[in-house]
Amino acid sequence: MSGSRGLTVPGMANAHSHAFHRALRGRTQQGTGSFWTWREQMYDLAARVTPDLYFDLARAVYAEMLAGGITAVGEFHYLHHQPDGTPYEDPNEMGRAVLAAADDVGIRIRLLDTCYLTAAIGQPAEGVQRRFSDGSADAWAERVAAFDDDRVGAAIHSVRAVPADQMGIVAAWAADRPLHVHLSEQPAENDACRAAYGVTPTALLADAGVLGPRTTLVHATHVTDDDVRTIGDAGCFVCLCPTTERDLADGLGRGADLRAAGTRISLGSDSHAVVDLFEEMRGVEMHDRLRTGVRGHWTARALLDCATTHGHASLGLDPAGAGAVAIDPVSPRTAGAGADEHATVFAATAADVAEVVVDGRVLFDGDHARVGHHLEAAIEKVWQ
């Protein structure tokens, strides 16, 4: 819709973020490789991050999100302990740093504290993965309960990182909170799950009692037709992250198929190769076009719902608190594209956001350069 400063849309929700991954942009895109070689570079970064560095970096990343019209974030948080796996004096120090960073810039947050126990199915955590692991789901639940913060939700990292007999403990702890899970991001994950358990990751999660209306499945790139029906019947959300799924050569998602089965779709920027939910919205439609050879699976309104209504709901947040985002209607991208949601979804980018207001407070005033300078300083500290 149009507003006094141009196009205006509700504040968007980034339902899947790994804030520290932002320091990888421009580095992991060099050379060749796969998701698995990218992961080794990510582990190198993970070993460097301290609570103070994490606060500075997350604060800059969340400011970047606000500058792109994102007023809520789901932080899929698994960087828990010291590099050798020893807990900090406050075992939730890293998570508290992330929450404080969100508070500092004014973005709403759901800290999705992540259970991560094994390097792969049947293999203990090793190397930097020891930072991620609490040793057992019971120990994870004890640590997370100590937060005493309603903004904390839960996550199961993946079927490769949490044994099937531990998943129910996480799901039970999250009975009244959002529960997020990486699902079928890579074919190798599916193959390993079938070899170990005889079923797909979706079926394994269903058998463990993980699926339900509070559950968000992230990626769901390589799901079968039976999986699609199971996800829809359970009333789950699926969070698609098209820019990351392209960047990591994961594959093309099945957004239209999942929606047709009754699944609500939310969006995330995941590894932050790009932080731009306008691009994520377009990516959902473009991936379905590439996958099927047919255009027009999604209307602009349906894609905007993914970025707003469904995104907030997948984080357990009230969309009424999302605020408003004003978009420049005469930027080189939006000029001549019209004054409705079609111009917003199919023409605008994060760089076109002119102002973000939540509860009467201006959280972003259009100064994109200032946000960039803060990001540069925070990322430089990490790599030093």
Foldseek 3Di string as FASTA:
>chain_A
DADPQFFKDFQFEFEAAAQQLQLCAPPLLPDDDFLVVVVVVVLVLLLQDDLVLLLLSLLLVVLLLVLLRHQEYEHADQQFDHQVLHADPLSRSNVVSNVVSCVVLRGHYQDALEAFAAPFVPHGDDGSCSSRHLNALVSSLVSVVVVPDPSYAHEYAECTGHPLVRVLSNQVSRVPFAYEYAAPLAVVNQVRCCVVPVDGRLVSCVVSVNAALRYEYEACADPDLVSLLSNQVRNYAYEYQQVVSVSNVRAQHDVLSSVVSRHQYAYHNYSPNDSKLLVVLVSNQVSVCVVPVDHDSDDLVSSSCRGQVSSCVNRVHDSVQRFMWRFNCCDPFNDPVDRDSCSVNVTDISLRTQWTAGPNDTSDHNCVVVSVVSNVVSSVVSVD
